[in-house]
């Protein structure tokens, strides 16, 4: 731990301190590049990307059940 009582997070691959600013464009660029490469490889192997509607639900909502008074005594 540092002298100011903050924990230092170490990355698994390089054993170096992880960056504290995880929202910057520079930090996210390697992830974006890897994602673009993975998508390109997927498409080149015959994969297909399907757009899902915004309001799509895997299991539609069910009507509430009224079980009042149906249990055994």
N, C-alpha and C. Protein backbone atom coordinates (compact mmCIF):
# COMPACT_ATOMS: atom_id res chain seq x y z
N UNK A 1 0.84 -1.18 0.00
CA UNK A 1 0.00 0.00 0.00
C UNK A 1 0.88 1.23 0.00
N UNK A 2 0.36 2.28 -0.61
CA UNK A 2 1.10 3.53 -0.66
C UNK A 2 1.03 4.26 0.67
N UNK A 3 1.79 5.32 0.78
CA UNK A 3 1.83 6.06 2.02
C UNK A 3 0.53 6.83 2.29
N UNK A 4 -0.29 7.01 1.25
CA UNK A 4 -1.54 7.74 1.43
C UNK A 4 -2.73 6.80 1.63
N UNK A 5 -2.46 5.56 2.07
CA UNK A 5 -3.48 4.56 2.38
C UNK A 5 -4.34 4.17 1.18
N UNK A 6 -3.79 4.20 -0.03
CA UNK A 6 -4.50 3.74 -1.20
C UNK A 6 -3.86 2.45 -1.68
N UNK A 7 -4.67 1.51 -2.13
CA UNK A 7 -4.16 0.23 -2.60
C UNK A 7 -3.63 0.39 -4.02
N UNK A 8 -2.57 -0.34 -4.31
CA UNK A 8 -2.03 -0.36 -5.67
C UNK A 8 -2.48 -1.66 -6.31
N UNK A 9 -3.21 -1.56 -7.41
CA UNK A 9 -3.71 -2.73 -8.11
C UNK A 9 -2.67 -3.14 -9.14
N UNK A 10 -2.25 -4.40 -9.12
CA UNK A 10 -1.25 -4.89 -10.05
C UNK A 10 -1.94 -5.66 -11.17
N UNK A 11 -1.51 -5.43 -12.40
CA UNK A 11 -2.06 -6.19 -13.51
C UNK A 11 -1.47 -7.58 -13.49
N UNK A 12 -2.22 -8.59 -13.96
CA UNK A 12 -1.78 -9.98 -13.90
C UNK A 12 -0.66 -10.28 -14.88
N UNK A 13 -0.68 -9.68 -16.06
CA UNK A 13 0.26 -10.05 -17.10
C UNK A 13 1.65 -9.46 -16.89
N UNK A 14 1.75 -8.21 -16.50
CA UNK A 14 3.05 -7.56 -16.45
C UNK A 14 3.53 -7.26 -15.04
N UNK A 15 2.68 -7.48 -14.03
CA UNK A 15 3.04 -7.19 -12.65
C UNK A 15 3.42 -5.72 -12.45
N UNK A 16 2.77 -4.85 -13.20
CA UNK A 16 2.98 -3.41 -13.05
C UNK A 16 1.70 -2.79 -12.53
N UNK A 17 1.81 -1.65 -11.89
CA UNK A 17 0.58 -1.01 -11.40
C UNK A 17 -0.41 -0.72 -12.52
N UNK A 18 -1.67 -1.03 -12.27
CA UNK A 18 -2.71 -0.76 -13.25
C UNK A 18 -2.98 0.74 -13.28
N UNK A 19 -3.37 1.27 -14.44
CA UNK A 19 -3.67 2.70 -14.52
C UNK A 19 -4.88 3.03 -13.67
N UNK A 20 -4.86 4.20 -13.06
CA UNK A 20 -5.98 4.60 -12.21
C UNK A 20 -7.09 5.23 -13.01
N UNK A 21 -6.79 5.78 -14.18
CA UNK A 21 -7.81 6.39 -15.02
C UNK A 21 -8.28 5.36 -16.05
N UNK A 22 -9.34 4.64 -15.73
CA UNK A 22 -9.81 3.57 -16.62
C UNK A 22 -10.83 4.07 -17.64
N UNK A 23 -11.14 5.35 -17.63
CA UNK A 23 -12.14 5.88 -18.54
C UNK A 23 -11.54 6.68 -19.70
N UNK A 24 -10.24 6.75 -19.80
CA UNK A 24 -9.64 7.55 -20.86
C UNK A 24 -9.62 6.78 -22.18
N UNK A 25 -9.59 7.50 -23.27
CA UNK A 25 -9.58 6.90 -24.60
C UNK A 25 -8.32 6.07 -24.81
N UNK A 26 -7.19 6.56 -24.31
CA UNK A 26 -5.93 5.84 -24.49
C UNK A 26 -5.94 4.49 -23.81
N UNK A 27 -6.58 4.39 -22.66
CA UNK A 27 -6.63 3.13 -21.92
C UNK A 27 -7.53 2.13 -22.64
N UNK A 28 -8.62 2.59 -23.24
CA UNK A 28 -9.57 1.70 -23.90
C UNK A 28 -9.16 1.30 -25.31
N UNK A 29 -8.19 1.99 -25.90
CA UNK A 29 -7.81 1.73 -27.29
C UNK A 29 -7.34 0.29 -27.53
N UNK A 30 -6.49 -0.30 -26.68
CA UNK A 30 -6.09 -1.69 -26.92
C UNK A 30 -7.27 -2.67 -26.90
N UNK A 31 -8.24 -2.43 -26.05
CA UNK A 31 -9.41 -3.29 -25.98
C UNK A 31 -10.24 -3.14 -27.25
N UNK A 32 -10.39 -1.91 -27.72
CA UNK A 32 -11.14 -1.68 -28.95
C UNK A 32 -10.46 -2.33 -30.14
N UNK A 33 -9.14 -2.23 -30.20
CA UNK A 33 -8.39 -2.84 -31.29
C UNK A 33 -8.56 -4.36 -31.28
N UNK A 34 -8.46 -4.96 -30.10
CA UNK A 34 -8.63 -6.41 -29.98
C UNK A 34 -10.04 -6.83 -30.38
N UNK A 35 -11.04 -6.07 -29.98
CA UNK A 35 -12.41 -6.38 -30.34
C UNK A 35 -12.61 -6.29 -31.84
N UNK A 36 -12.05 -5.26 -32.48
CA UNK A 36 -12.16 -5.12 -33.93
C UNK A 36 -11.50 -6.29 -34.65
N UNK A 37 -10.32 -6.72 -34.15
CA UNK A 37 -9.64 -7.87 -34.74
C UNK A 37 -10.47 -9.14 -34.59
N UNK A 38 -11.05 -9.33 -33.41
CA UNK A 38 -11.86 -10.53 -33.16
C UNK A 38 -13.10 -10.56 -34.05
N UNK A 39 -13.75 -9.42 -34.21
CA UNK A 39 -14.94 -9.35 -35.07
C UNK A 39 -14.56 -9.62 -36.51
N UNK A 40 -13.47 -9.03 -36.97
CA UNK A 40 -13.01 -9.25 -38.34
C UNK A 40 -12.69 -10.72 -38.59
N UNK A 41 -12.03 -11.36 -37.65
CA UNK A 41 -11.70 -12.78 -37.77
C UNK A 41 -12.98 -13.62 -37.81
N UNK A 42 -13.95 -13.29 -36.96
CA UNK A 42 -15.22 -13.99 -36.92
C UNK A 42 -15.95 -13.89 -38.26
N UNK A 43 -15.99 -12.68 -38.82
CA UNK A 43 -16.67 -12.48 -40.09
C UNK A 43 -15.93 -13.17 -41.24
N UNK A 44 -14.60 -13.17 -41.21
CA UNK A 44 -13.82 -13.83 -42.25
C UNK A 44 -13.98 -15.34 -42.23
N UNK A 45 -14.33 -15.90 -41.09
CA UNK A 45 -14.55 -17.34 -40.98
C UNK A 45 -15.99 -17.72 -41.29
N UNK A 46 -16.76 -16.79 -41.83
CA UNK A 46 -18.13 -17.08 -42.22
C UNK A 46 -19.17 -16.73 -41.18
N UNK A 47 -18.77 -16.07 -40.13
CA UNK A 47 -19.72 -15.68 -39.09
C UNK A 47 -20.66 -14.59 -39.56
N UNK A 48 -21.75 -14.43 -38.86
CA UNK A 48 -22.77 -13.46 -39.22
C UNK A 48 -23.16 -12.69 -37.97
N UNK A 49 -23.30 -11.39 -38.10
CA UNK A 49 -23.75 -10.55 -36.98
C UNK A 49 -25.20 -10.20 -37.21
N UNK A 50 -26.01 -10.48 -36.22
CA UNK A 50 -27.44 -10.23 -36.31
C UNK A 50 -27.82 -9.10 -35.36
N UNK A 51 -28.51 -8.09 -35.87
CA UNK A 51 -28.92 -6.97 -35.03
C UNK A 51 -30.20 -7.35 -34.29
N UNK A 52 -30.18 -7.12 -32.99
CA UNK A 52 -31.31 -7.46 -32.14
C UNK A 52 -32.10 -6.19 -31.85
N UNK A 53 -33.43 -6.23 -31.98
CA UNK A 53 -34.24 -5.04 -31.68
C UNK A 53 -34.02 -4.58 -30.23
N UNK A 54 -34.11 -3.28 -30.03
CA UNK A 54 -33.87 -2.69 -28.72
C UNK A 54 -34.86 -3.22 -27.68
N UNK A 55 -36.11 -3.46 -28.08
CA UNK A 55 -37.13 -3.89 -27.12
C UNK A 55 -37.25 -5.41 -27.02
N UNK A 56 -36.27 -6.17 -27.51
CA UNK A 56 -36.32 -7.63 -27.47
C UNK A 56 -36.12 -8.12 -26.04
N UNK A 57 -36.92 -9.10 -25.64
CA UNK A 57 -36.77 -9.72 -24.32
C UNK A 57 -36.70 -11.23 -24.51
N UNK A 58 -35.79 -11.88 -23.79
CA UNK A 58 -35.62 -13.32 -23.89
C UNK A 58 -36.86 -14.06 -23.39
N UNK A 59 -37.39 -13.64 -22.27
CA UNK A 59 -38.62 -14.23 -21.77
C UNK A 59 -39.61 -13.11 -21.47
N UNK A 60 -40.70 -13.06 -22.22
CA UNK A 60 -41.66 -11.96 -22.05
C UNK A 60 -42.28 -11.99 -20.65
N UNK A 61 -42.73 -10.85 -20.17
CA UNK A 61 -43.32 -10.80 -18.83
C UNK A 61 -44.59 -11.65 -18.74
N UNK A 62 -44.80 -12.22 -17.57
CA UNK A 62 -45.98 -13.06 -17.34
C UNK A 62 -46.99 -12.30 -16.51
N UNK A 63 -48.23 -12.69 -16.65
CA UNK A 63 -49.27 -12.10 -15.82
C UNK A 63 -49.08 -12.56 -14.39
N UNK A 64 -49.33 -11.71 -13.41
CA UNK A 64 -49.21 -12.14 -12.02
C UNK A 64 -50.27 -13.19 -11.69
N UNK A 65 -49.88 -14.16 -10.89
CA UNK A 65 -50.82 -15.20 -10.49
C UNK A 65 -51.44 -14.84 -9.15
N UNK A 66 -52.72 -15.13 -9.02
CA UNK A 66 -53.42 -14.91 -7.77
C UNK A 66 -53.55 -16.25 -7.06
N UNK A 67 -52.68 -16.49 -6.09
CA UNK A 67 -52.70 -17.74 -5.34
C UNK A 67 -53.30 -17.58 -3.95
N UNK A 68 -53.97 -16.48 -3.72
CA UNK A 68 -54.52 -16.22 -2.39
C UNK A 68 -55.60 -17.25 -2.06
N UNK A 69 -55.43 -17.93 -0.92
CA UNK A 69 -56.44 -18.88 -0.45
C UNK A 69 -56.37 -20.23 -1.12
N UNK A 70 -55.39 -20.51 -1.93
CA UNK A 70 -55.33 -21.80 -2.62
C UNK A 70 -54.46 -22.82 -1.91
N UNK A 71 -53.74 -22.41 -0.91
CA UNK A 71 -52.86 -23.34 -0.20
C UNK A 71 -53.62 -24.20 0.78
N UNK A 72 -53.02 -25.31 1.18
CA UNK A 72 -53.69 -26.18 2.16
C UNK A 72 -53.58 -25.57 3.55
N UNK A 73 -54.47 -25.96 4.40
CA UNK A 73 -54.52 -25.40 5.76
C UNK A 73 -53.73 -26.25 6.71
